[in-house]
């Protein structure tokens, strides 16, 4: 069968509109399409391919586990899941882990746990969940409602109730809304889809204090920011604030689907047998790969390298901007960066992304006004430099069109 982009339109539900080229092979931070054209990958599968494409150690872990055991269901446990859970609890604030298949599923579990914990300890009245405008927490109906972008949640009928939103980095607005009825506050410690927005230290510490004051759980959605992306294993570690529940996915599997919710023993106790579950959660293949990802990422060389690579990106993007005057600022942390467009190019992030693809560079957007980079944490410096040369050509083509 000849596989073409046209065939996609004939057989797929039309909720995606992918690029015309079809990638068929990846190695490190390079990708090749059906015609043998080579691309540099600054998109990282939307902050997923933390160690690039086909990292030999991940391929080995997958092949080894693939010859042993693929799936059991949660009627039984398995060694890779237990090993991975032990490493996650050893490396973080958490005592207990729940495995799922994705960030959305991990967030769904976190929200259900927060509601159940409040019911167990305080009663039915304590049900309010507060999150932040422009936040993104997944596409299940519960998580998309908690996410702060109506464009993603409208049009599907009545939404889950007792969910409210305030502006990110606006501590006064949160203080006004939060009360003893609040069961949880959910936030990204670095907003991804919403535009690559970093929190102020005052804000994130103030959120923690308000949660403590009102006996509300603080949920950190680290689906995009976690597993080394900010130069810390998890972003909370660089903010001086510890959440009650943390969700992780994307980079955790390095490209293999996995999600996890981490929490304390006391809070975890509310998810008693039968209260929640996932057929594939804790899958041996996924956990074997994720364990290897964690071992590699959680090293001083990789984590310090992320911050060094951030500086290289910022330096070169600054030089490009001096020539073309397109960005108002470069946002973000580590290998999650956003080029925010200035007033002259407002709303044109997708134009720049498409132009980059034409120059054989893969990148992303974060809303209509921000071009997003989320490459491999170990992308070689020469790939960064070559990718940014291509990016400059893309900028030039849009500016001079």
Protein backbone atom coordinates (compact mmCIF):
# COMPACT_ATOMS: atom_id res chain seq x y z
CA UNK A 1 0.00 0.00 0.00
CA UNK A 2 1.30 3.45 -0.89
CA UNK A 3 0.98 5.67 2.17
CA UNK A 4 0.43 9.35 1.32
CA UNK A 5 -0.66 12.50 3.10
CA UNK A 6 -3.83 12.42 0.95
CA UNK A 7 -4.67 9.00 2.38
CA UNK A 8 -4.57 10.56 5.86
CA UNK A 9 -7.45 12.86 4.87
CA UNK A 10 -9.45 9.89 3.59
CA UNK A 11 -9.10 7.63 6.63
CA UNK A 12 -8.52 9.87 9.67
CA UNK A 13 -11.02 11.88 11.73
CA UNK A 14 -10.31 15.51 10.70
CA UNK A 15 -9.34 16.87 14.14
CA UNK A 16 -5.67 17.10 13.10
CA UNK A 17 -4.10 18.90 10.17
CA UNK A 18 -0.53 17.57 10.05
CA UNK A 19 2.28 18.77 7.83
CA UNK A 20 2.37 17.53 4.24
CA UNK A 21 5.57 15.54 4.70
CA UNK A 22 5.47 12.17 6.49
CA UNK A 23 8.44 11.36 8.73
CA UNK A 24 9.62 7.75 8.49
CA UNK A 25 12.88 7.62 10.44
CA UNK A 26 14.54 9.45 13.31
CA UNK A 27 17.94 9.39 14.93
CA UNK A 28 18.96 11.75 17.72
CA UNK A 29 17.63 15.21 16.82
CA UNK A 30 17.31 14.49 13.10
CA UNK A 31 14.30 13.10 11.22
CA UNK A 32 13.90 11.91 7.61
CA UNK A 33 10.72 11.95 5.53
CA UNK A 34 9.49 9.54 2.83
CA UNK A 35 11.61 11.30 0.19
CA UNK A 36 14.79 11.15 2.26
CA UNK A 37 14.73 14.85 3.22
CA UNK A 38 16.38 15.52 6.58
CA UNK A 39 14.85 17.73 9.27
CA UNK A 40 16.20 19.04 12.57
CA UNK A 41 13.74 18.41 15.39
CA UNK A 42 13.09 21.32 17.78
CA UNK A 43 9.57 19.99 18.50
CA UNK A 44 10.51 16.79 20.30
CA UNK A 45 7.10 15.23 19.74
CA UNK A 46 5.65 18.12 21.82
CA UNK A 47 8.20 17.87 24.64
CA UNK A 48 8.12 14.07 24.61
CA UNK A 49 11.32 12.82 22.98
CA UNK A 50 13.53 13.80 25.90
CA UNK A 51 16.49 11.79 24.58
CA UNK A 52 15.83 12.28 20.89
CA UNK A 53 14.75 9.61 18.43
CA UNK A 54 15.75 5.95 18.80
CA UNK A 55 18.20 6.48 21.64
CA UNK A 56 20.18 3.22 21.68
CA UNK A 57 19.67 2.61 25.41
CA UNK A 58 15.91 3.07 25.12
CA UNK A 59 15.77 0.80 22.06
CA UNK A 60 17.70 -1.81 24.06
CA UNK A 61 15.37 -1.50 27.07
CA UNK A 62 12.31 -1.87 24.83
CA UNK A 63 13.75 -4.84 22.95
CA UNK A 64 14.79 -6.58 26.15
CA UNK A 65 11.39 -6.18 27.78
CA UNK A 66 9.63 -6.96 24.50
CA UNK A 67 11.14 -10.43 24.63
CA UNK A 68 9.90 -11.04 28.17
CA UNK A 69 6.43 -9.66 28.91
CA UNK A 70 4.19 -7.12 27.19
CA UNK A 71 0.99 -6.84 29.18
CA UNK A 72 -0.74 -8.32 32.21
CA UNK A 73 -3.45 -5.89 33.41
CA UNK A 74 -3.61 -4.71 37.00
CA UNK A 75 -4.95 -8.03 38.23
CA UNK A 76 -1.19 -8.66 38.50
CA UNK A 77 1.78 -6.37 39.06
CA UNK A 78 5.14 -6.50 37.28
CA UNK A 79 8.80 -5.84 38.01
CA UNK A 80 9.39 -2.82 35.70
CA UNK A 81 6.41 -0.97 37.22
CA UNK A 82 7.58 -1.59 40.78
CA UNK A 83 11.17 -0.58 39.95
CA UNK A 84 10.03 2.63 38.24
CA UNK A 85 7.69 3.52 41.12
CA UNK A 86 10.51 2.97 43.61
CA UNK A 87 12.82 5.28 41.65
CA UNK A 88 10.16 7.99 41.32
CA UNK A 89 9.43 7.94 45.05
CA UNK A 90 13.14 7.89 45.94
CA UNK A 91 13.80 10.91 43.72
CA UNK A 92 10.80 13.09 44.67
CA UNK A 93 8.62 14.18 47.59
CA UNK A 94 6.18 11.35 46.83
CA UNK A 95 5.53 8.07 48.64
CA UNK A 96 3.07 6.53 46.19
CA UNK A 97 2.70 6.31 42.38
CA UNK A 98 -0.27 5.61 40.11
CA UNK A 99 0.53 4.73 36.48
CA UNK A 100 -1.55 5.71 33.46
CA UNK A 101 -1.00 6.05 29.69
CA UNK A 102 -0.81 9.82 29.23
CA UNK A 103 -0.70 13.21 30.88
CA UNK A 104 -4.45 13.64 30.56
CA UNK A 105 -5.02 10.33 32.35
CA UNK A 106 -2.54 11.22 35.09
CA UNK A 107 -4.34 14.55 35.55
CA UNK A 108 -7.73 12.85 35.57
CA UNK A 109 -6.46 10.61 38.37
CA UNK A 110 -5.08 13.62 40.28
CA UNK A 111 -8.39 15.48 40.10
CA UNK A 112 -10.43 12.45 41.11
CA UNK A 113 -8.05 11.81 44.00
CA UNK A 114 -8.31 15.44 45.19
CA UNK A 115 -12.11 15.25 45.19
CA UNK A 116 -12.11 11.88 46.94
CA UNK A 117 -9.58 13.01 49.56
CA UNK A 118 -11.69 16.11 50.35
CA UNK A 119 -14.82 13.98 50.63
CA UNK A 120 -13.09 11.52 52.97
CA UNK A 121 -11.61 14.18 55.24
CA UNK A 122 -13.92 17.22 55.07
CA UNK A 123 -17.25 16.27 53.52
CA UNK A 124 -19.23 16.86 50.32
CA UNK A 125 -19.18 20.68 50.50
CA UNK A 126 -15.41 20.81 49.81
CA UNK A 127 -15.47 20.27 46.04
CA UNK A 128 -14.17 23.43 44.34
CA UNK A 129 -11.19 23.07 41.99
CA UNK A 130 -9.33 26.23 41.01
CA UNK A 131 -7.00 26.40 38.02
CA UNK A 132 -5.56 29.08 35.79
CA UNK A 133 -6.61 30.77 32.58
CA UNK A 134 -4.64 29.56 29.55
CA UNK A 135 -3.73 26.46 31.49
CA UNK A 136 -3.77 23.08 29.75
CA UNK A 137 -4.31 19.76 31.51
CA UNK A 138 -5.44 17.35 28.80
CA UNK A 139 -8.44 16.52 26.64
CA UNK A 140 -10.63 14.29 28.78
CA UNK A 141 -13.83 16.11 29.69
CA UNK A 142 -12.75 16.69 33.29
CA UNK A 143 -9.21 17.82 32.42
CA UNK A 144 -10.29 20.02 29.53
CA UNK A 145 -12.79 21.72 31.84
CA UNK A 146 -10.12 22.34 34.44
CA UNK A 147 -7.82 23.63 31.70
CA UNK A 148 -8.33 27.35 31.24
CA UNK A 149 -9.03 27.55 27.50
CA UNK A 150 -12.71 27.60 26.60
CA UNK A 151 -11.93 26.89 22.94
CA UNK A 152 -10.99 23.35 23.94
CA UNK A 153 -13.88 22.68 26.34
CA UNK A 154 -16.90 24.42 24.76
CA UNK A 155 -19.30 22.58 22.50
CA UNK A 156 -19.56 19.25 24.28
CA UNK A 157 -22.55 19.87 26.54
CA UNK A 158 -22.66 20.46 30.30
CA UNK A 159 -19.24 20.56 31.92
CA UNK A 160 -18.21 19.10 35.26
CA UNK A 161 -19.11 21.62 37.96
CA UNK A 162 -17.32 23.43 40.77
CA UNK A 163 -14.35 24.40 38.56
CA UNK A 164 -13.16 28.02 38.56
CA UNK A 165 -10.33 29.88 36.83
CA UNK A 166 -8.16 32.88 37.68
CA UNK A 167 -5.26 34.59 35.91
CA UNK A 168 -1.85 32.94 36.19
CA UNK A 169 0.63 34.92 38.30
CA UNK A 170 -2.24 36.88 39.92
CA UNK A 171 -2.02 35.94 43.58
CA UNK A 172 -4.63 38.50 44.66
CA UNK A 173 -7.24 36.97 42.34
CA UNK A 174 -6.56 33.52 43.78
CA UNK A 175 -6.71 34.82 47.35
CA UNK A 176 -10.12 36.34 46.60
CA UNK A 177 -11.55 33.11 45.14
CA UNK A 178 -10.04 30.40 47.34
CA UNK A 179 -11.94 29.35 50.46
CA UNK A 180 -12.45 26.41 52.80
CA UNK A 181 -14.73 24.99 50.06
CA UNK A 182 -11.69 24.61 47.76
CA UNK A 183 -10.45 21.03 47.55
CA UNK A 184 -7.55 21.64 45.15
CA UNK A 185 -5.60 24.18 43.14
CA UNK A 186 -4.13 22.80 39.92
CA UNK A 187 -1.32 24.59 38.11
CA UNK A 188 1.52 24.11 35.70
CA UNK A 189 4.80 25.28 37.27
CA UNK A 190 5.57 26.57 33.76
CA UNK A 191 2.57 27.06 31.47
CA UNK A 192 3.15 25.23 28.19
CA UNK A 193 0.26 25.40 25.71
CA UNK A 194 -0.82 28.72 27.19
CA UNK A 195 2.26 30.55 25.88
CA UNK A 196 5.35 29.34 27.82
CA UNK A 197 4.64 31.46 30.90
CA UNK A 198 6.94 31.14 33.92
CA UNK A 199 5.57 31.74 37.41
CA UNK A 200 7.06 34.36 39.68
CA UNK A 201 8.57 32.96 42.87
CA UNK A 202 6.18 35.13 44.89
CA UNK A 203 3.20 33.64 43.03
CA UNK A 204 4.14 29.99 43.34
CA UNK A 205 5.04 30.31 47.02
CA UNK A 206 1.85 32.30 47.65
CA UNK A 207 -0.25 29.58 46.01
CA UNK A 208 1.30 27.02 48.37
CA UNK A 209 0.55 29.20 51.40
CA UNK A 210 -3.07 29.78 50.35
CA UNK A 211 -3.59 26.04 49.84
CA UNK A 212 -2.19 25.35 53.31
CA UNK A 213 -4.41 28.01 54.85
CA UNK A 214 -7.58 26.52 53.34
CA UNK A 215 -6.66 22.82 53.56
CA UNK A 216 -6.65 22.57 49.76
CA UNK A 217 -4.34 20.21 47.89
CA UNK A 218 -1.80 21.74 45.51
CA UNK A 219 -1.56 19.77 42.25
CA UNK A 220 1.42 20.45 39.99
CA UNK A 221 0.85 19.43 36.39
CA UNK A 222 4.42 18.66 35.30
CA UNK A 223 3.37 16.75 32.20
CA UNK A 224 5.30 19.18 29.98
CA UNK A 225 7.74 20.75 32.47
CA UNK A 226 8.90 17.56 34.20
CA UNK A 227 11.70 15.02 33.70
CA UNK A 228 14.60 17.38 33.19
CA UNK A 229 13.02 19.90 30.86
CA UNK A 230 13.70 22.91 33.13
CA UNK A 231 17.16 21.70 34.17
CA UNK A 232 15.72 20.12 37.33
CA UNK A 233 14.37 16.58 37.39
CA UNK A 234 11.01 18.16 38.21
CA UNK A 235 10.27 21.88 37.97
CA UNK A 236 9.04 22.13 41.57
CA UNK A 237 12.60 21.42 42.70
CA UNK A 238 13.72 24.78 41.32
CA UNK A 239 10.82 26.73 42.82
CA UNK A 240 11.23 26.00 46.52
CA UNK A 241 7.66 24.68 46.71
CA UNK A 242 6.48 21.09 47.12
CA UNK A 243 3.07 20.07 45.75
CA UNK A 244 0.75 17.50 47.32
CA UNK A 245 0.15 15.74 44.00
CA UNK A 246 2.36 15.84 40.89
CA UNK A 247 1.57 14.53 37.42
CA UNK A 248 4.19 13.49 34.89
CA UNK A 249 4.11 12.04 31.37
CA UNK A 250 5.55 13.21 28.00
CA UNK A 251 9.33 13.08 28.61
CA UNK A 252 8.93 10.30 31.19
CA UNK A 253 8.59 7.70 28.44
CA UNK A 254 10.96 9.34 25.98
CA UNK A 255 8.39 8.67 23.25
CA UNK A 256 6.72 5.56 24.69
CA UNK A 257 3.23 6.37 26.08
CA UNK A 258 3.20 6.54 29.87
CA UNK A 259 1.85 8.85 32.57
CA UNK A 260 2.11 8.86 36.34
CA UNK A 261 0.56 10.58 39.32
CA UNK A 262 2.77 10.99 42.38
CA UNK A 263 1.52 11.81 45.87
CA UNK A 264 1.99 11.17 49.58
CA UNK A 265 0.96 8.07 51.49
CA UNK A 266 -1.76 9.95 53.40
CA UNK A 267 -3.42 11.38 50.30
CA UNK A 268 -2.99 8.19 48.26
CA UNK A 269 -5.01 6.27 50.84
CA UNK A 270 -8.21 7.77 49.41
CA UNK A 271 -7.84 5.77 46.18
CA UNK A 272 -8.84 2.48 47.72
CA UNK A 273 -9.16 -0.68 45.55
CA UNK A 274 -11.84 -0.16 42.92
CA UNK A 275 -11.99 3.66 43.09
CA UNK A 276 -9.90 4.22 39.95
CA UNK A 277 -8.00 2.20 37.38
CA UNK A 278 -6.38 1.85 33.98
CA UNK A 279 -6.14 -1.29 31.85
CA UNK A 280 -2.73 -0.39 30.45
CA UNK A 281 -1.43 1.68 33.36
CA UNK A 282 1.87 0.27 34.61
CA UNK A 283 2.43 -1.62 31.36
CA UNK A 284 5.77 -3.49 31.53
CA UNK A 285 7.00 -2.17 28.16
CA UNK A 286 6.27 1.45 29.08
CA UNK A 287 7.75 1.15 32.57
CA UNK A 288 10.94 -0.53 31.32
CA UNK A 289 11.56 2.31 28.88
CA UNK A 290 10.63 5.02 31.41
CA UNK A 291 13.00 3.57 34.00
CA UNK A 292 15.87 3.91 31.54
CA UNK A 293 14.81 7.47 30.63
CA UNK A 294 14.82 8.42 34.30
CA UNK A 295 18.26 6.90 34.87
CA UNK A 296 19.76 8.84 31.95
CA UNK A 297 18.02 12.19 32.51
CA UNK A 298 18.64 12.28 36.26
CA UNK A 299 22.36 12.83 35.86
CA UNK A 300 24.35 16.02 36.51
CA UNK A 301 25.64 16.03 32.92
CA UNK A 302 22.19 15.97 31.33
CA UNK A 303 20.54 18.39 33.78
CA UNK A 304 23.37 20.96 33.66
CA UNK A 305 23.56 20.47 29.89
CA UNK A 306 19.91 21.53 29.58
CA UNK A 307 20.70 24.93 31.12
CA UNK A 308 23.81 25.37 28.98
CA UNK A 309 21.79 24.61 25.85
CA UNK A 310 19.13 27.10 26.96
CA UNK A 311 21.80 29.82 27.04
CA UNK A 312 22.96 28.90 23.53
CA UNK A 313 19.38 29.12 22.25
CA UNK A 314 18.84 32.49 23.95
CA UNK A 315 22.10 33.93 22.66
CA UNK A 316 21.47 32.93 19.03
CA UNK A 317 17.76 33.85 19.10
CA UNK A 318 18.81 37.28 20.42
CA UNK A 319 21.12 37.69 17.44
CA UNK A 320 18.34 36.70 15.03
CA UNK A 321 15.97 39.15 16.66
CA UNK A 322 18.46 42.01 16.38
CA UNK A 323 18.29 41.50 12.61
CA UNK A 324 14.57 40.91 12.13
CA UNK A 325 12.81 42.49 15.16
CA UNK A 326 10.11 39.82 15.37
CA UNK A 327 10.07 38.79 19.06
CA UNK A 328 9.04 40.78 22.11
CA UNK A 329 10.80 38.27 24.41
CA UNK A 330 12.19 34.76 24.69
CA UNK A 331 10.30 32.95 27.44
CA UNK A 332 10.60 29.71 29.33
CA UNK A 333 13.24 27.59 30.99
CA UNK A 334 15.68 24.93 29.90
CA UNK A 335 14.50 23.06 26.81
CA UNK A 336 10.99 24.52 26.88
CA UNK A 337 11.32 27.91 25.23
CA UNK A 338 8.90 30.31 23.58
CA UNK A 339 9.58 33.09 21.09
CA UNK A 340 6.79 35.59 21.81
CA UNK A 341 5.90 37.62 18.72
CA UNK A 342 5.74 41.40 18.95
CA UNK A 343 2.78 43.55 17.88
CA UNK A 344 3.92 43.67 14.24
CA UNK A 345 3.61 39.88 13.90
CA UNK A 346 0.79 39.23 16.35
CA UNK A 347 -1.23 36.09 15.58
CA UNK A 348 1.27 34.73 13.06
CA UNK A 349 3.03 31.98 15.03
CA UNK A 350 1.69 29.29 12.71
CA UNK A 351 3.06 31.15 9.66
CA UNK A 352 6.54 30.98 11.19
CA UNK A 353 6.10 27.31 12.11
CA UNK A 354 5.07 26.43 8.54
CA UNK A 355 7.97 28.45 7.14
CA UNK A 356 10.33 26.55 9.46
CA UNK A 357 9.03 23.22 8.12
CA UNK A 358 9.78 24.48 4.59
CA UNK A 359 13.37 25.05 5.78
CA UNK A 360 13.47 21.49 7.20
CA UNK A 361 13.13 22.51 10.83
CA UNK A 362 10.42 21.02 13.06
CA UNK A 363 9.05 23.38 15.72
CA UNK A 364 5.75 24.12 17.49
CA UNK A 365 3.43 26.94 18.49
CA UNK A 366 1.98 27.74 21.91
CA UNK A 367 -1.09 29.73 20.96
CA UNK A 368 -1.25 32.19 18.09
CA UNK A 369 1.57 34.43 19.31
CA UNK A 370 4.35 32.13 20.50
CA UNK A 371 6.71 29.84 18.57
CA UNK A 372 7.64 26.95 20.86
CA UNK A 373 10.81 24.87 21.02
CA UNK A 374 10.83 21.63 23.05
CA UNK A 375 13.76 19.66 21.66
CA UNK A 376 15.63 16.70 23.05
CA UNK A 377 17.37 17.46 26.34
CA UNK A 378 20.59 16.11 24.83
CA UNK A 379 20.36 17.78 21.42
CA UNK A 380 23.94 18.37 20.23
CA UNK A 381 25.06 21.99 20.08
CA UNK A 382 25.80 21.63 16.36
CA UNK A 383 22.16 20.64 15.77
CA UNK A 384 21.02 23.70 17.74
CA UNK A 385 23.22 25.97 15.62
CA UNK A 386 22.17 24.36 12.33
CA UNK A 387 18.50 24.39 13.37
CA UNK A 388 18.67 28.08 14.25
CA UNK A 389 20.27 28.84 10.86
CA UNK A 390 17.23 27.22 9.28
CA UNK A 391 14.97 29.10 11.67
CA UNK A 392 16.57 32.40 10.61
CA UNK A 393 15.82 31.57 6.96
CA UNK A 394 12.21 30.87 7.94
CA UNK A 395 11.99 34.19 9.79
CA UNK A 396 13.45 35.99 6.79
CA UNK A 397 10.97 34.34 4.40
CA UNK A 398 7.97 35.50 6.48
CA UNK A 399 9.33 38.98 7.17
CA UNK A 400 10.24 39.58 3.53
CA UNK A 401 7.21 37.92 1.96
